[in-house]
Amino acid sequence: MPPFRRENPPPVPDVGAVLVDRQGTVGEFHAAAYGFWSLRPVAGGVERTVEPGSAEPASAEERMRTKVAVANERTERRGKLG
């Protein structure tokens, strides 16, 4: 059944909430539109859409792992510039 016809859809997360989808990809909740949720990679990039309920709040470990990866990427980029 399409997500917009669910009798009890999951609550819409707050904008900026860090979620992990079924593929294990971590992203920030950006918007809900047309029966889907938009997630944006924490480091920036192209949004992707997921069905409501197919992503859940990221654990503290997943959030920390993502923050460390973003910081490492920034440090690596800075090293290449200078």
PDB file of N, CA and C in Angstrom:
ATOM      1  N   MET A   1       0.851  -1.179   0.000  1.00  0.00           N
ATOM      2  CA  MET A   1       0.000   0.000   0.000  1.00  0.00           C
ATOM      3  C   MET A   1       0.897   1.243   0.000  1.00  0.00           C
ATOM      4  N   PRO A   2       0.615   2.228  -0.806  1.00  0.00           N
ATOM      5  CA  PRO A   2       1.423   3.452  -0.832  1.00  0.00           C
ATOM      6  C   PRO A   2       1.424   4.145   0.527  1.00  0.00           C
ATOM      7  N   PRO A   3       2.520   4.835   0.872  1.00  0.00           N
ATOM      8  CA  PRO A   3       2.620   5.443   2.194  1.00  0.00           C
ATOM      9  C   PRO A   3       1.536   6.459   2.501  1.00  0.00           C
ATOM     10  N   PHE A   4       1.000   7.164   1.490  1.00  0.00           N
ATOM     11  CA  PHE A   4       0.003   8.194   1.763  1.00  0.00           C
ATOM     12  C   PHE A   4      -1.352   7.610   2.114  1.00  0.00           C
ATOM     13  N   ARG A   5      -1.516   6.300   2.005  1.00  0.00           N
ATOM     14  CA  ARG A   5      -2.796   5.671   2.346  1.00  0.00           C
ATOM     15  C   ARG A   5      -2.742   4.926   3.676  1.00  0.00           C
ATOM     16  N   ARG A   6      -1.651   4.980   4.362  1.00  0.00           N
ATOM     17  CA  ARG A   6      -1.546   4.288   5.644  1.00  0.00           C
ATOM     18  C   ARG A   6      -2.530   4.874   6.635  1.00  0.00           C
ATOM     19  N   GLU A   7      -3.100   3.993   7.439  1.00  0.00           N
ATOM     20  CA  GLU A   7      -4.035   4.455   8.450  1.00  0.00           C
ATOM     21  C   GLU A   7      -3.311   5.148   9.604  1.00  0.00           C
ATOM     22  N   ASN A   8      -2.148   4.629   9.987  1.00  0.00           N
ATOM     23  CA  ASN A   8      -1.390   5.185  11.101  1.00  0.00           C
ATOM     24  C   ASN A   8       0.042   5.466  10.647  1.00  0.00           C
ATOM     25  N   PRO A   9       0.240   6.546   9.892  1.00  0.00           N
ATOM     26  CA  PRO A   9       1.599   6.845   9.435  1.00  0.00           C
ATOM     27  C   PRO A   9       2.490   7.211  10.621  1.00  0.00           C
ATOM     28  N   PRO A  10       3.795   6.941  10.505  1.00  0.00           N
ATOM     29  CA  PRO A  10       4.692   7.310  11.602  1.00  0.00           C
ATOM     30  C   PRO A  10       4.767   8.824  11.738  1.00  0.00           C
ATOM     31  N   PRO A  11       5.091   9.312  12.929  1.00  0.00           N
ATOM     32  CA  PRO A  11       5.195  10.758  13.111  1.00  0.00           C
ATOM     33  C   PRO A  11       6.330  11.334  12.267  1.00  0.00           C
ATOM     34  N   VAL A  12       6.123  12.527  11.764  1.00  0.00           N
ATOM     35  CA  VAL A  12       7.137  13.197  10.952  1.00  0.00           C
ATOM     36  C   VAL A  12       8.233  13.704  11.882  1.00  0.00           C
ATOM     37  N   PRO A  13       9.494  13.364  11.582  1.00  0.00           N
ATOM     38  CA  PRO A  13      10.601  13.825  12.434  1.00  0.00           C
ATOM     39  C   PRO A  13      10.782  15.338  12.348  1.00  0.00           C
ATOM     40  N   ASP A  14      11.498  15.892  13.304  1.00  0.00           N
ATOM     41  CA  ASP A  14      11.860  17.305  13.263  1.00  0.00           C
ATOM     42  C   ASP A  14      12.882  17.511  12.148  1.00  0.00           C
ATOM     43  N   VAL A  15      12.828  18.666  11.496  1.00  0.00           N
ATOM     44  CA  VAL A  15      13.821  19.001  10.478  1.00  0.00           C
ATOM     45  C   VAL A  15      15.194  18.993  11.149  1.00  0.00           C
ATOM     46  N   GLY A  16      16.142  18.330  10.519  1.00  0.00           N
ATOM     47  CA  GLY A  16      17.495  18.224  11.060  1.00  0.00           C
ATOM     48  C   GLY A  16      17.731  16.970  11.877  1.00  0.00           C
ATOM     49  N   ALA A  17      16.653  16.209  12.169  1.00  0.00           N
ATOM     50  CA  ALA A  17      16.826  14.964  12.915  1.00  0.00           C
ATOM     51  C   ALA A  17      17.699  14.018  12.095  1.00  0.00           C
ATOM     52  N   VAL A  18      18.605  13.324  12.758  1.00  0.00           N
ATOM     53  CA  VAL A  18      19.501  12.393  12.077  1.00  0.00           C
ATOM     54  C   VAL A  18      18.838  11.020  12.079  1.00  0.00           C
ATOM     55  N   LEU A  19      18.636  10.485  10.867  1.00  0.00           N
ATOM     56  CA  LEU A  19      17.963   9.197  10.688  1.00  0.00           C
ATOM     57  C   LEU A  19      18.872   8.236   9.942  1.00  0.00           C
ATOM     58  N   VAL A  20      18.586   6.961  10.088  1.00  0.00           N
ATOM     59  CA  VAL A  20      19.283   5.936   9.316  1.00  0.00           C
ATOM     60  C   VAL A  20      18.220   5.126   8.580  1.00  0.00           C
ATOM     61  N   ASP A  21      18.444   4.898   7.276  1.00  0.00           N
ATOM     62  CA  ASP A  21      17.455   4.160   6.494  1.00  0.00           C
ATOM     63  C   ASP A  21      17.776   2.674   6.496  1.00  0.00           C
ATOM     64  N   ARG A  22      16.976   1.894   5.814  1.00  0.00           N
ATOM     65  CA  ARG A  22      17.135   0.432   5.807  1.00  0.00           C
ATOM     66  C   ARG A  22      18.452  -0.028   5.203  1.00  0.00           C
ATOM     67  N   GLN A  23      19.070   0.808   4.366  1.00  0.00           N
ATOM     68  CA  GLN A  23      20.361   0.460   3.771  1.00  0.00           C
ATOM     69  C   GLN A  23      21.517   0.831   4.700  1.00  0.00           C
ATOM     70  N   GLY A  24      21.207   1.455   5.834  1.00  0.00           N
ATOM     71  CA  GLY A  24      22.236   1.852   6.779  1.00  0.00           C
ATOM     72  C   GLY A  24      22.836   3.213   6.481  1.00  0.00           C
ATOM     73  N   THR A  25      22.210   3.967   5.582  1.00  0.00           N
ATOM     74  CA  THR A  25      22.690   5.294   5.220  1.00  0.00           C
ATOM     75  C   THR A  25      22.148   6.318   6.208  1.00  0.00           C
ATOM     76  N   VAL A  26      23.037   7.139   6.734  1.00  0.00           N
ATOM     77  CA  VAL A  26      22.648   8.161   7.707  1.00  0.00           C
ATOM     78  C   VAL A  26      22.400   9.474   6.978  1.00  0.00           C
ATOM     79  N   GLY A  27      21.325  10.153   7.332  1.00  0.00           N
ATOM     80  CA  GLY A  27      21.012  11.435   6.718  1.00  0.00           C
ATOM     81  C   GLY A  27      20.174  12.289   7.646  1.00  0.00           C
ATOM     82  N   GLU A  28      20.143  13.578   7.359  1.00  0.00           N
ATOM     83  CA  GLU A  28      19.316  14.501   8.128  1.00  0.00           C
ATOM     84  C   GLU A  28      17.958  14.630   7.465  1.00  0.00           C
ATOM     85  N   PHE A  29      16.909  14.590   8.278  1.00  0.00           N
ATOM     86  CA  PHE A  29      15.561  14.778   7.756  1.00  0.00           C
ATOM     87  C   PHE A  29      15.437  16.202   7.251  1.00  0.00           C
ATOM     88  N   HIS A  30      14.922  16.337   6.039  1.00  0.00           N
ATOM     89  CA  HIS A  30      14.819  17.661   5.422  1.00  0.00           C
ATOM     90  C   HIS A  30      13.362  18.088   5.240  1.00  0.00           C
ATOM     91  N   ALA A  31      12.511  17.166   4.780  1.00  0.00           N
ATOM     92  CA  ALA A  31      11.118  17.537   4.517  1.00  0.00           C
ATOM     93  C   ALA A  31      10.263  16.298   4.305  1.00  0.00           C
ATOM     94  N   ALA A  32       8.961  16.507   4.416  1.00  0.00           N
ATOM     95  CA  ALA A  32       7.982  15.483   4.071  1.00  0.00           C
ATOM     96  C   ALA A  32       7.118  16.058   2.961  1.00  0.00           C
ATOM     97  N   ALA A  33       7.021  15.336   1.852  1.00  0.00           N
ATOM     98  CA  ALA A  33       6.218  15.832   0.736  1.00  0.00           C
ATOM     99  C   ALA A  33       5.748  14.665  -0.113  1.00  0.00           C
ATOM    100  N   TYR A  34       4.515  14.748  -0.565  1.00  0.00           N
ATOM    101  CA  TYR A  34       3.943  13.767  -1.484  1.00  0.00           C
ATOM    102  C   TYR A  34       4.053  12.335  -0.963  1.00  0.00           C
ATOM    103  N   GLY A  35       3.943  12.173   0.344  1.00  0.00           N
ATOM    104  CA  GLY A  35       3.963  10.843   0.928  1.00  0.00           C
ATOM    105  C   GLY A  35       5.344  10.263   1.138  1.00  0.00           C
ATOM    106  N   PHE A  36       6.393  11.060   0.983  1.00  0.00           N
ATOM    107  CA  PHE A  36       7.758  10.584   1.187  1.00  0.00           C
ATOM    108  C   PHE A  36       8.506  11.532   2.112  1.00  0.00           C
ATOM    109  N   TRP A  37       9.613  11.042   2.664  1.00  0.00           N
ATOM    110  CA  TRP A  37      10.509  11.867   3.472  1.00  0.00           C
ATOM    111  C   TRP A  37      11.766  12.125   2.663  1.00  0.00           C
ATOM    112  N   SER A  38      12.317  13.322   2.769  1.00  0.00           N
ATOM    113  CA  SER A  38      13.576  13.672   2.111  1.00  0.00           C
ATOM    114  C   SER A  38      14.688  13.655   3.154  1.00  0.00           C
ATOM    115  N   LEU A  39      15.756  12.924   2.834  1.00  0.00           N
ATOM    116  CA  LEU A  39      16.931  12.871   3.699  1.00  0.00           C
ATOM    117  C   LEU A  39      18.118  13.425   2.930  1.00  0.00           C
ATOM    118  N   ARG A  40      18.936  14.200   3.606  1.00  0.00           N
ATOM    119  CA  ARG A  40      20.123  14.786   2.991  1.00  0.00           C
ATOM    120  C   ARG A  40      21.340  14.239   3.729  1.00  0.00           C
ATOM    121  N   PRO A  41      22.381  13.843   3.001  1.00  0.00           N
ATOM    122  CA  PRO A  41      23.590  13.371   3.680  1.00  0.00           C
ATOM    123  C   PRO A  41      24.099  14.427   4.662  1.00  0.00           C
ATOM    124  N   VAL A  42      24.597  13.990   5.790  1.00  0.00           N
ATOM    125  CA  VAL A  42      25.052  14.909   6.829  1.00  0.00           C
ATOM    126  C   VAL A  42      26.176  15.799   6.303  1.00  0.00           C
ATOM    127  N   ALA A  43      27.029  15.272   5.439  1.00  0.00           N
ATOM    128  CA  ALA A  43      28.145  16.047   4.890  1.00  0.00           C
ATOM    129  C   ALA A  43      27.708  16.933   3.733  1.00  0.00           C
ATOM    130  N   GLY A  44      26.437  16.904   3.384  1.00  0.00           N
ATOM    131  CA  GLY A  44      25.938  17.664   2.243  1.00  0.00           C
ATOM    132  C   GLY A  44      25.826  16.762   1.040  1.00  0.00           C
ATOM    133  N   GLY A  45      25.136  17.217   0.053  1.00  0.00           N
ATOM    134  CA  GLY A  45      24.969  16.416  -1.151  1.00  0.00           C
ATOM    135  C   GLY A  45      23.519  16.334  -1.571  1.00  0.00           C
ATOM    136  N   VAL A  46      23.252  15.397  -2.430  1.00  0.00           N
ATOM    137  CA  VAL A  46      21.938  15.240  -3.037  1.00  0.00           C
ATOM    138  C   VAL A  46      20.978  14.544  -2.073  1.00  0.00           C
ATOM    139  N   GLU A  47      19.789  15.119  -1.951  1.00  0.00           N
ATOM    140  CA  GLU A  47      18.741  14.503  -1.137  1.00  0.00           C
ATOM    141  C   GLU A  47      18.283  13.204  -1.771  1.00  0.00           C
ATOM    142  N   ARG A  48      17.766  12.337  -0.937  1.00  0.00           N
ATOM    143  CA  ARG A  48      17.115  11.136  -1.448  1.00  0.00           C
ATOM    144  C   ARG A  48      15.786  11.006  -0.716  1.00  0.00           C
ATOM    145  N   THR A  49      14.857  10.316  -1.331  1.00  0.00           N
ATOM    146  CA  THR A  49      13.553  10.147  -0.709  1.00  0.00           C
ATOM    147  C   THR A  49      13.425   8.727  -0.191  1.00  0.00           C
ATOM    148  N   VAL A  50      12.723   8.603   0.923  1.00  0.00           N
ATOM    149  CA  VAL A  50      12.440   7.301   1.517  1.00  0.00           C
ATOM    150  C   VAL A  50      10.977   7.281   1.927  1.00  0.00           C
ATOM    151  N   GLU A  51      10.437   6.098   2.055  1.00  0.00           N
ATOM    152  CA  GLU A  51       9.069   5.969   2.540  1.00  0.00           C
ATOM    153  C   GLU A  51       9.043   6.239   4.039  1.00  0.00           C
ATOM    154  N   PRO A  52       8.018   6.918   4.516  1.00  0.00           N
ATOM    155  CA  PRO A  52       7.896   7.124   5.958  1.00  0.00           C
ATOM    156  C   PRO A  52       7.928   5.774   6.675  1.00  0.00           C
ATOM    157  N   GLY A  53       8.650   5.716   7.735  1.00  0.00           N
ATOM    158  CA  GLY A  53       8.752   4.471   8.488  1.00  0.00           C
ATOM    159  C   GLY A  53       9.899   3.596   8.040  1.00  0.00           C
ATOM    160  N   SER A  54      10.527   3.904   6.900  1.00  0.00           N
ATOM    161  CA  SER A  54      11.661   3.093   6.450  1.00  0.00           C
ATOM    162  C   SER A  54      12.978   3.664   6.966  1.00  0.00           C
ATOM    163  N   ALA A  55      12.899   4.733   7.723  1.00  0.00           N
ATOM    164  CA  ALA A  55      14.075   5.314   8.372  1.00  0.00           C
ATOM    165  C   ALA A  55      13.704   5.551   9.831  1.00  0.00           C
ATOM    166  N   GLU A  56      14.687   5.390  10.676  1.00  0.00           N
ATOM    167  CA  GLU A  56      14.445   5.569  12.107  1.00  0.00           C
ATOM    168  C   GLU A  56      15.561   6.429  12.693  1.00  0.00           C
ATOM    169  N   PRO A  57      15.345   6.957  13.890  1.00  0.00           N
ATOM    170  CA  PRO A  57      16.384   7.789  14.491  1.00  0.00           C
ATOM    171  C   PRO A  57      17.707   7.028  14.590  1.00  0.00           C
ATOM    172  N   ALA A  58      18.778   7.714  14.238  1.00  0.00           N
ATOM    173  CA  ALA A  58      20.106   7.106  14.321  1.00  0.00           C
ATOM    174  C   ALA A  58      20.499   6.958  15.788  1.00  0.00           C
ATOM    175  N   SER A  59      21.227   5.895  16.070  1.00  0.00           N
ATOM    176  CA  SER A  59      21.723   5.697  17.432  1.00  0.00           C
ATOM    177  C   SER A  59      22.837   6.701  17.716  1.00  0.00           C
ATOM    178  N   ALA A  60      23.190   6.839  18.960  1.00  0.00           N
ATOM    179  CA  ALA A  60      24.287   7.735  19.330  1.00  0.00           C
ATOM    180  C   ALA A  60      25.568   7.320  18.616  1.00  0.00           C
ATOM    181  N   GLU A  61      25.802   6.026  18.502  1.00  0.00           N
ATOM    182  CA  GLU A  61      26.999   5.527  17.809  1.00  0.00           C
ATOM    183  C   GLU A  61      26.984   5.907  16.329  1.00  0.00           C
ATOM    184  N   GLU A  62      25.836   5.759  15.669  1.00  0.00           N
ATOM    185  CA  GLU A  62      25.730   6.110  14.244  1.00  0.00           C
ATOM    186  C   GLU A  62      25.925   7.608  14.032  1.00  0.00           C
ATOM    187  N   ARG A  63      25.360   8.418  14.923  1.00  0.00           N
ATOM    188  CA  ARG A  63      25.538   9.871  14.809  1.00  0.00           C
ATOM    189  C   ARG A  63      27.003  10.253  14.991  1.00  0.00           C
ATOM    190  N   MET A  64      27.667   9.647  15.989  1.00  0.00           N
ATOM    191  CA  MET A  64      29.068   9.957  16.241  1.00  0.00           C
ATOM    192  C   MET A  64      29.947   9.500  15.086  1.00  0.00           C
ATOM    193  N   ARG A  65      29.698   8.323  14.568  1.00  0.00           N
ATOM    194  CA  ARG A  65      30.474   7.803  13.435  1.00  0.00           C
ATOM    195  C   ARG A  65      30.356   8.740  12.229  1.00  0.00           C
ATOM    196  N   THR A  66      29.156   9.239  12.000  1.00  0.00           N
ATOM    197  CA  THR A  66      28.928  10.151  10.879  1.00  0.00           C
ATOM    198  C   THR A  66      29.653  11.477  11.098  1.00  0.00           C
ATOM    199  N   LYS A  67      29.577  12.022  12.313  1.00  0.00           N
ATOM    200  CA  LYS A  67      30.269  13.283  12.605  1.00  0.00           C
ATOM    201  C   LYS A  67      31.776  13.138  12.426  1.00  0.00           C
ATOM    202  N   VAL A  68      32.341  12.004  12.865  1.00  0.00           N
ATOM    203  CA  VAL A  68      33.781  11.772  12.721  1.00  0.00           C
ATOM    204  C   VAL A  68      34.149  11.672  11.245  1.00  0.00           C
ATOM    205  N   ALA A  69      33.333  10.973  10.458  1.00  0.00           N
ATOM    206  CA  ALA A  69      33.611  10.844   9.018  1.00  0.00           C
ATOM    207  C   ALA A  69      33.587  12.208   8.339  1.00  0.00           C
ATOM    208  N   VAL A  70      32.636  13.061   8.701  1.00  0.00           N
ATOM    209  CA  VAL A  70      32.543  14.399   8.119  1.00  0.00           C
ATOM    210  C   VAL A  70      33.773  15.219   8.511  1.00  0.00           C
ATOM    211  N   ALA A  71      34.157  15.167   9.781  1.00  0.00           N
ATOM    212  CA  ALA A  71      35.335  15.911  10.245  1.00  0.00           C
ATOM    213  C   ALA A  71      36.597  15.413   9.539  1.00  0.00           C
ATOM    214  N   ASN A  72      36.739  14.102   9.379  1.00  0.00           N
ATOM    215  CA  ASN A  72      37.910  13.553   8.692  1.00  0.00           C
ATOM    216  C   ASN A  72      37.957  14.008   7.239  1.00  0.00           C
ATOM    217  N   GLU A  73      36.808  14.032   6.597  1.00  0.00           N
ATOM    218  CA  GLU A  73      36.749  14.470   5.198  1.00  0.00           C
ATOM    219  C   GLU A  73      37.162  15.933   5.072  1.00  0.00           C
ATOM    220  N   ARG A  74      36.689  16.771   5.975  1.00  0.00           N
ATOM    221  CA  ARG A  74      37.056  18.194   5.949  1.00  0.00           C
ATOM    222  C   ARG A  74      38.562  18.373   6.174  1.00  0.00           C
ATOM    223  N   THR A  75      39.116  17.621   7.116  1.00  0.00           N
ATOM    224  CA  THR A  75      40.548  17.711   7.405  1.00  0.00           C
ATOM    225  C   THR A  75      41.355  17.264   6.194  1.00  0.00           C
ATOM    226  N   GLU A  76      40.911  16.197   5.558  1.00  0.00           N
ATOM    227  CA  GLU A  76      41.603  15.688   4.374  1.00  0.00           C
ATOM    228  C   GLU A  76      41.574  16.714   3.246  1.00  0.00           C
ATOM    229  N   ARG A  77      40.418  17.344   3.031  1.00  0.00           N
ATOM    230  CA  ARG A  77      40.304  18.379   1.995  1.00  0.00           C
ATOM    231  C   ARG A  77      41.204  19.569   2.300  1.00  0.00           C
ATOM    232  N   ARG A  78      41.243  19.967   3.559  1.00  0.00           N
ATOM    233  CA  ARG A  78      42.072  21.097   3.959  1.00  0.00           C
ATOM    234  C   ARG A  78      43.553  20.799   3.716  1.00  0.00           C
ATOM    235  N   GLY A  79      43.971  19.564   3.977  1.00  0.00           N
ATOM    236  CA  GLY A  79      45.358  19.156   3.756  1.00  0.00           C
ATOM    237  C   GLY A  79      45.740  19.214   2.297  1.00  0.00           C
ATOM    238  N   LYS A  80      44.799  18.921   1.401  1.00  0.00           N
ATOM    239  CA  LYS A  80      45.074  18.953  -0.042  1.00  0.00           C
ATOM    240  C   LYS A  80      45.171  20.383  -0.558  1.00  0.00           C
ATOM    241  N   LEU A  81      44.524  21.311   0.125  1.00  0.00           N
ATOM    242  CA  LEU A  81      44.544  22.701  -0.316  1.00  0.00           C
ATOM    243  C   LEU A  81      45.819  23.433   0.101  1.00  0.00           C
ATOM    244  N   GLY A  82      46.354  23.043   1.239  1.00  0.00           N
ATOM    245  CA  GLY A  82      47.418  23.823   1.804  1.00  0.00           C
ATOM    246  C   GLY A  82      48.749  23.262   1.656  1.00  0.00           C
TER     247      GLY A  82
END
